[in-house]
Amino acid sequence: MTYYSNAICINDPDIQFHHLYKIIEHFSPVVSKKMAYERLNQKLDTLSVVSRDYHYLDSLLELAKKYEISLKDKELCKTILLECIDIEPLFGLLPETVQKGVSKRCSFNIEDLEKCSSDDLSKIKADLGEIIYATRNRIVHAKSNWGGSEKACLGKDMVKLNEFMKALAQCLIVWNGRQPKEFRV
């Protein structure tokens, strides 16, 4: 809540975005851990009906690897979008250029978003996660090693992107509030 409260008081769109992105960074490790625990529990639940061979043990190692990957900076936003957010009502808050870019890359018509399959929605969320991450990199690495990205949101679109980020942050705060206490931040 502190990051959110501070972010909405900031007038500079880039700095406001960065503060809102910090909310994603705050929640994503818990989301990743919750996902990993659930998948691990599902695997362990089957132990009484499957053989404990190298295939089974390899599947446990694969789960651990996916968990480690989900904690990488590049994956934080994708994890949040994939696991915590209904993108359909929030999509219209994105800048028009972002909406059109996602629509083109993910091959869907914006007006048909509600008809997209769950696989298509996952692709849309993953692409949007890349946009948000690229925008974050544009801001935090502007003077050092950022080499540019066609997905990074720029200038005039930042105010509109921040409207989306504010809604995303609010959804994450609500999501957190309904989690069992062991997963609540």
C-alpha atoms as a PDB file:
ATOM      1  CA  MET A   1       0.000   0.000   0.000  1.00  0.00           C
ATOM      2  CA  THR A   2       2.869   2.389   0.710  1.00  0.00           C
ATOM      3  CA  TYR A   3       4.283   1.966  -2.808  1.00  0.00           C
ATOM      4  CA  TYR A   4       0.815   2.460  -4.261  1.00  0.00           C
ATOM      5  CA  SER A   5       0.062   5.525  -2.152  1.00  0.00           C
ATOM      6  CA  ASN A   6       3.437   7.041  -3.027  1.00  0.00           C
ATOM      7  CA  ALA A   7       3.083   6.194  -6.710  1.00  0.00           C
ATOM      8  CA  ILE A   8      -0.243   7.926  -7.232  1.00  0.00           C
ATOM      9  CA  CYS A   9       1.205  11.167  -5.830  1.00  0.00           C
ATOM     10  CA  ILE A  10       4.073  11.260  -8.355  1.00  0.00           C
ATOM     11  CA  ASN A  11       3.663  13.490 -11.397  1.00  0.00           C
ATOM     12  CA  ASP A  12       6.530  12.175 -13.536  1.00  0.00           C
ATOM     13  CA  PRO A  13       5.087   9.230 -15.547  1.00  0.00           C
ATOM     14  CA  ASP A  14       8.350   7.261 -15.654  1.00  0.00           C
ATOM     15  CA  ILE A  15       8.966   7.510 -11.918  1.00  0.00           C
ATOM     16  CA  GLN A  16       5.325   6.726 -11.215  1.00  0.00           C
ATOM     17  CA  PHE A  17       5.594   3.626 -13.416  1.00  0.00           C
ATOM     18  CA  HIS A  18       8.715   2.531 -11.561  1.00  0.00           C
ATOM     19  CA  HIS A  19       6.946   2.805  -8.197  1.00  0.00           C
ATOM     20  CA  LEU A  20       3.978   0.848  -9.531  1.00  0.00           C
ATOM     21  CA  TYR A  21       6.340  -1.785 -10.935  1.00  0.00           C
ATOM     22  CA  LYS A  22       7.814  -2.175  -7.449  1.00  0.00           C
ATOM     23  CA  ILE A  23       4.427  -3.544  -6.386  1.00  0.00           C
ATOM     24  CA  ILE A  24       4.810  -6.333  -8.952  1.00  0.00           C
ATOM     25  CA  GLU A  25       8.300  -7.047  -7.646  1.00  0.00           C
ATOM     26  CA  HIS A  26       6.904  -7.165  -4.122  1.00  0.00           C
ATOM     27  CA  PHE A  27       4.156  -9.710  -4.816  1.00  0.00           C
ATOM     28  CA  SER A  28       5.680 -11.929  -7.508  1.00  0.00           C
ATOM     29  CA  PRO A  29       7.964 -14.074  -5.294  1.00  0.00           C
ATOM     30  CA  VAL A  30       4.977 -15.039  -3.157  1.00  0.00           C
ATOM     31  CA  VAL A  31       2.916 -15.833  -6.252  1.00  0.00           C
ATOM     32  CA  SER A  32       5.752 -17.971  -7.649  1.00  0.00           C
ATOM     33  CA  LYS A  33       6.125 -19.835  -4.382  1.00  0.00           C
ATOM     34  CA  LYS A  34       2.390 -20.438  -4.097  1.00  0.00           C
ATOM     35  CA  MET A  35       2.301 -21.814  -7.667  1.00  0.00           C
ATOM     36  CA  ALA A  36       5.308 -24.039  -7.018  1.00  0.00           C
ATOM     37  CA  TYR A  37       3.850 -25.404  -3.773  1.00  0.00           C
ATOM     38  CA  GLU A  38       0.553 -26.212  -5.448  1.00  0.00           C
ATOM     39  CA  ARG A  39       2.212 -28.018  -8.356  1.00  0.00           C
ATOM     40  CA  LEU A  40       4.562 -29.837  -6.020  1.00  0.00           C
ATOM     41  CA  ASN A  41       1.641 -30.932  -3.845  1.00  0.00           C
ATOM     42  CA  GLN A  42      -0.175 -32.202  -6.938  1.00  0.00           C
ATOM     43  CA  LYS A  43       2.869 -34.279  -7.868  1.00  0.00           C
ATOM     44  CA  LEU A  44       3.228 -35.623  -4.332  1.00  0.00           C
ATOM     45  CA  ASP A  45      -0.495 -36.461  -4.211  1.00  0.00           C
ATOM     46  CA  THR A  46       0.055 -38.948  -7.045  1.00  0.00           C
ATOM     47  CA  LEU A  47       2.939 -40.725  -5.343  1.00  0.00           C
ATOM     48  CA  SER A  48       0.634 -43.422  -3.978  1.00  0.00           C
ATOM     49  CA  VAL A  49      -0.590 -44.347  -7.478  1.00  0.00           C
ATOM     50  CA  VAL A  50       2.552 -43.912  -9.614  1.00  0.00           C
ATOM     51  CA  SER A  51       5.954 -45.468  -9.386  1.00  0.00           C
ATOM     52  CA  ARG A  52       8.758 -43.478  -7.859  1.00  0.00           C
ATOM     53  CA  ASP A  53      11.068 -43.878 -10.840  1.00  0.00           C
ATOM     54  CA  TYR A  54      13.453 -41.474 -12.505  1.00  0.00           C
ATOM     55  CA  HIS A  55      10.610 -39.992 -14.608  1.00  0.00           C
ATOM     56  CA  TYR A  56       8.759 -39.035 -11.458  1.00  0.00           C
ATOM     57  CA  LEU A  57      11.867 -37.641  -9.793  1.00  0.00           C
ATOM     58  CA  ASP A  58      12.790 -35.734 -12.974  1.00  0.00           C
ATOM     59  CA  SER A  59       9.343 -34.134 -12.917  1.00  0.00           C
ATOM     60  CA  LEU A  60      10.092 -32.836  -9.401  1.00  0.00           C
ATOM     61  CA  LEU A  61      13.382 -31.378 -10.598  1.00  0.00           C
ATOM     62  CA  GLU A  62      11.567 -29.753 -13.519  1.00  0.00           C
ATOM     63  CA  LEU A  63       9.128 -28.111 -11.098  1.00  0.00           C
ATOM     64  CA  ALA A  64      12.057 -26.729  -9.110  1.00  0.00           C
ATOM     65  CA  LYS A  65      13.624 -25.382 -12.304  1.00  0.00           C
ATOM     66  CA  LYS A  66      10.377 -23.667 -13.338  1.00  0.00           C
ATOM     67  CA  TYR A  67      10.170 -22.086  -9.898  1.00  0.00           C
ATOM     68  CA  GLU A  68      13.715 -20.695 -10.200  1.00  0.00           C
ATOM     69  CA  ILE A  69      12.936 -19.301 -13.658  1.00  0.00           C
ATOM     70  CA  SER A  70       9.763 -17.615 -12.376  1.00  0.00           C
ATOM     71  CA  LEU A  71      11.886 -15.621  -9.908  1.00  0.00           C
ATOM     72  CA  LYS A  72      14.044 -14.031 -12.599  1.00  0.00           C
ATOM     73  CA  ASP A  73      13.453 -10.325 -13.259  1.00  0.00           C
ATOM     74  CA  LYS A  74      12.224 -10.985 -16.783  1.00  0.00           C
ATOM     75  CA  GLU A  75       9.506 -13.343 -15.538  1.00  0.00           C
ATOM     76  CA  LEU A  76       8.124 -11.373 -12.574  1.00  0.00           C
ATOM     77  CA  CYS A  77       5.408  -9.508 -14.421  1.00  0.00           C
ATOM     78  CA  LYS A  78       4.423 -12.508 -16.552  1.00  0.00           C
ATOM     79  CA  THR A  79       3.962 -14.567 -13.395  1.00  0.00           C
ATOM     80  CA  ILE A  80       1.707 -11.944 -11.827  1.00  0.00           C
ATOM     81  CA  LEU A  81      -0.354 -11.494 -14.988  1.00  0.00           C
ATOM     82  CA  LEU A  82      -0.704 -15.227 -15.592  1.00  0.00           C
ATOM     83  CA  GLU A  83      -1.671 -16.164 -12.054  1.00  0.00           C
ATOM     84  CA  CYS A  84      -3.437 -13.209 -10.443  1.00  0.00           C
ATOM     85  CA  ILE A  85      -5.158 -11.061 -13.048  1.00  0.00           C
ATOM     86  CA  ASP A  86      -8.225 -11.209 -15.273  1.00  0.00           C
ATOM     87  CA  ILE A  87      -6.854  -9.314 -18.258  1.00  0.00           C
ATOM     88  CA  GLU A  88     -10.132  -8.827 -20.120  1.00  0.00           C
ATOM     89  CA  PRO A  89     -11.529  -5.930 -18.042  1.00  0.00           C
ATOM     90  CA  LEU A  90      -8.082  -4.297 -17.743  1.00  0.00           C
ATOM     91  CA  PHE A  91      -7.006  -4.525 -21.387  1.00  0.00           C
ATOM     92  CA  GLY A  92      -8.912  -1.381 -22.389  1.00  0.00           C
ATOM     93  CA  LEU A  93      -6.856   0.644 -19.900  1.00  0.00           C
ATOM     94  CA  LEU A  94      -3.696   0.064 -21.952  1.00  0.00           C
ATOM     95  CA  PRO A  95      -2.506   2.691 -24.439  1.00  0.00           C
ATOM     96  CA  GLU A  96      -3.981   2.138 -27.886  1.00  0.00           C
ATOM     97  CA  THR A  97      -0.518   1.499 -29.353  1.00  0.00           C
ATOM     98  CA  VAL A  98       0.081  -1.254 -26.794  1.00  0.00           C
ATOM     99  CA  GLN A  99      -3.332  -2.796 -27.419  1.00  0.00           C
ATOM    100  CA  LYS A 100      -2.718  -2.848 -31.179  1.00  0.00           C
ATOM    101  CA  GLY A 101       0.798  -4.279 -30.779  1.00  0.00           C
ATOM    102  CA  VAL A 102      -0.375  -7.082 -28.495  1.00  0.00           C
ATOM    103  CA  SER A 103      -3.313  -7.761 -30.808  1.00  0.00           C
ATOM    104  CA  LYS A 104      -1.014  -8.059 -33.818  1.00  0.00           C
ATOM    105  CA  ARG A 105       1.642 -10.215 -32.113  1.00  0.00           C
ATOM    106  CA  CYS A 106      -0.927 -12.517 -30.494  1.00  0.00           C
ATOM    107  CA  SER A 107      -3.244 -12.648 -33.548  1.00  0.00           C
ATOM    108  CA  PHE A 108      -6.582 -11.562 -32.148  1.00  0.00           C
ATOM    109  CA  ASN A 109      -9.018  -8.699 -32.716  1.00  0.00           C
ATOM    110  CA  ILE A 110      -9.237  -6.334 -29.761  1.00  0.00           C
ATOM    111  CA  GLU A 111     -13.038  -6.316 -29.884  1.00  0.00           C
ATOM    112  CA  ASP A 112     -13.008 -10.151 -29.684  1.00  0.00           C
ATOM    113  CA  LEU A 113     -10.823 -10.375 -26.574  1.00  0.00           C
ATOM    114  CA  GLU A 114     -13.599 -11.959 -24.497  1.00  0.00           C
ATOM    115  CA  LYS A 115     -13.835 -14.779 -27.075  1.00  0.00           C
ATOM    116  CA  CYS A 116     -10.140 -15.709 -26.743  1.00  0.00           C
ATOM    117  CA  SER A 117      -9.272 -19.162 -25.416  1.00  0.00           C
ATOM    118  CA  SER A 118      -7.385 -19.541 -22.151  1.00  0.00           C
ATOM    119  CA  ASP A 119      -4.248 -20.384 -24.179  1.00  0.00           C
ATOM    120  CA  ASP A 120      -4.644 -17.175 -26.184  1.00  0.00           C
ATOM    121  CA  LEU A 121      -5.175 -15.170 -22.995  1.00  0.00           C
ATOM    122  CA  SER A 122      -1.968 -16.683 -21.598  1.00  0.00           C
ATOM    123  CA  LYS A 123      -0.087 -15.550 -24.721  1.00  0.00           C
ATOM    124  CA  ILE A 124      -1.583 -12.070 -24.387  1.00  0.00           C
ATOM    125  CA  LYS A 125      -0.557 -11.869 -20.717  1.00  0.00           C
ATOM    126  CA  ALA A 126       2.957 -13.111 -21.492  1.00  0.00           C
ATOM    127  CA  ASP A 127       3.366 -10.510 -24.251  1.00  0.00           C
ATOM    128  CA  LEU A 128       2.054  -7.779 -21.984  1.00  0.00           C
ATOM    129  CA  GLY A 129       4.490  -8.935 -19.293  1.00  0.00           C
ATOM    130  CA  GLU A 130       7.327  -8.442 -21.776  1.00  0.00           C
ATOM    131  CA  ILE A 131       6.072  -4.927 -22.577  1.00  0.00           C
ATOM    132  CA  ILE A 132       5.925  -3.960 -18.928  1.00  0.00           C
ATOM    133  CA  TYR A 133       9.374  -5.435 -18.274  1.00  0.00           C
ATOM    134  CA  ALA A 134      10.867  -3.678 -21.327  1.00  0.00           C
ATOM    135  CA  THR A 135       9.336  -0.401 -20.154  1.00  0.00           C
ATOM    136  CA  ARG A 136      10.816  -0.928 -16.702  1.00  0.00           C
ATOM    137  CA  ASN A 137      14.234  -1.548 -18.259  1.00  0.00           C
ATOM    138  CA  ARG A 138      13.930   1.587 -20.372  1.00  0.00           C
ATOM    139  CA  ILE A 139      13.443   3.595 -17.198  1.00  0.00           C
ATOM    140  CA  VAL A 140      15.922   1.992 -14.810  1.00  0.00           C
ATOM    141  CA  HIS A 141      18.712   1.426 -17.354  1.00  0.00           C
ATOM    142  CA  ALA A 142      18.253   4.582 -19.401  1.00  0.00           C
ATOM    143  CA  LYS A 143      21.698   5.965 -18.687  1.00  0.00           C
ATOM    144  CA  SER A 144      23.648   2.729 -18.566  1.00  0.00           C
ATOM    145  CA  ASN A 145      23.058  -0.386 -20.581  1.00  0.00           C
ATOM    146  CA  TRP A 146      19.577  -0.200 -22.081  1.00  0.00           C
ATOM    147  CA  GLY A 147      19.830  -0.859 -25.788  1.00  0.00           C
ATOM    148  CA  GLY A 148      16.250  -0.121 -26.742  1.00  0.00           C
ATOM    149  CA  SER A 149      13.264  -2.354 -27.325  1.00  0.00           C
ATOM    150  CA  GLU A 150      10.366  -2.249 -29.723  1.00  0.00           C
ATOM    151  CA  LYS A 151       8.103  -3.359 -26.868  1.00  0.00           C
ATOM    152  CA  ALA A 152       8.997  -0.624 -24.376  1.00  0.00           C
ATOM    153  CA  CYS A 153       6.295   1.953 -23.841  1.00  0.00           C
ATOM    154  CA  LEU A 154       7.472   5.501 -24.500  1.00  0.00           C
ATOM    155  CA  GLY A 155       6.617   9.144 -23.806  1.00  0.00           C
ATOM    156  CA  LYS A 156       3.022   9.990 -24.498  1.00  0.00           C
ATOM    157  CA  ASP A 157       1.787   6.456 -23.774  1.00  0.00           C
ATOM    158  CA  MET A 158       3.211   6.377 -20.261  1.00  0.00           C
ATOM    159  CA  VAL A 159       0.309   8.249 -18.648  1.00  0.00           C
ATOM    160  CA  LYS A 160      -2.162   5.726 -20.072  1.00  0.00           C
ATOM    161  CA  LEU A 161       0.096   2.775 -19.197  1.00  0.00           C
ATOM    162  CA  ASN A 162       0.213   4.055 -15.624  1.00  0.00           C
ATOM    163  CA  GLU A 163      -3.588   3.919 -15.501  1.00  0.00           C
ATOM    164  CA  PHE A 164      -3.306   0.236 -16.353  1.00  0.00           C
ATOM    165  CA  MET A 165      -0.526  -0.213 -13.779  1.00  0.00           C
ATOM    166  CA  LYS A 166      -2.654   1.449 -11.071  1.00  0.00           C
ATOM    167  CA  ALA A 167      -5.517  -0.946 -11.826  1.00  0.00           C
ATOM    168  CA  LEU A 168      -3.083  -3.879 -11.859  1.00  0.00           C
ATOM    169  CA  ALA A 169      -1.698  -2.807  -8.480  1.00  0.00           C
ATOM    170  CA  GLN A 170      -5.204  -2.527  -7.037  1.00  0.00           C
ATOM    171  CA  CYS A 171      -6.024  -6.021  -8.303  1.00  0.00           C
ATOM    172  CA  LEU A 172      -2.842  -7.390  -6.717  1.00  0.00           C
ATOM    173  CA  ILE A 173      -3.696  -5.785  -3.386  1.00  0.00           C
ATOM    174  CA  VAL A 174      -7.175  -7.362  -3.493  1.00  0.00           C
ATOM    175  CA  TRP A 175      -5.678 -10.716  -4.626  1.00  0.00           C
ATOM    176  CA  ASN A 176      -3.284 -10.604  -1.683  1.00  0.00           C
ATOM    177  CA  GLY A 177      -6.105  -9.871   0.749  1.00  0.00           C
ATOM    178  CA  ARG A 178      -7.964 -13.043  -0.152  1.00  0.00           C
ATOM    179  CA  GLN A 179      -4.979 -15.372   0.128  1.00  0.00           C
ATOM    180  CA  PRO A 180      -4.522 -17.691   3.107  1.00  0.00           C
ATOM    181  CA  LYS A 181      -2.365 -16.030   5.744  1.00  0.00           C
ATOM    182  CA  GLU A 182       0.681 -18.159   4.870  1.00  0.00           C
ATOM    183  CA  PHE A 183       0.713 -16.633   1.364  1.00  0.00           C
ATOM    184  CA  ARG A 184      -0.309 -13.097   2.234  1.00  0.00           C
ATOM    185  CA  VAL A 185       2.331 -10.379   1.881  1.00  0.00           C
END
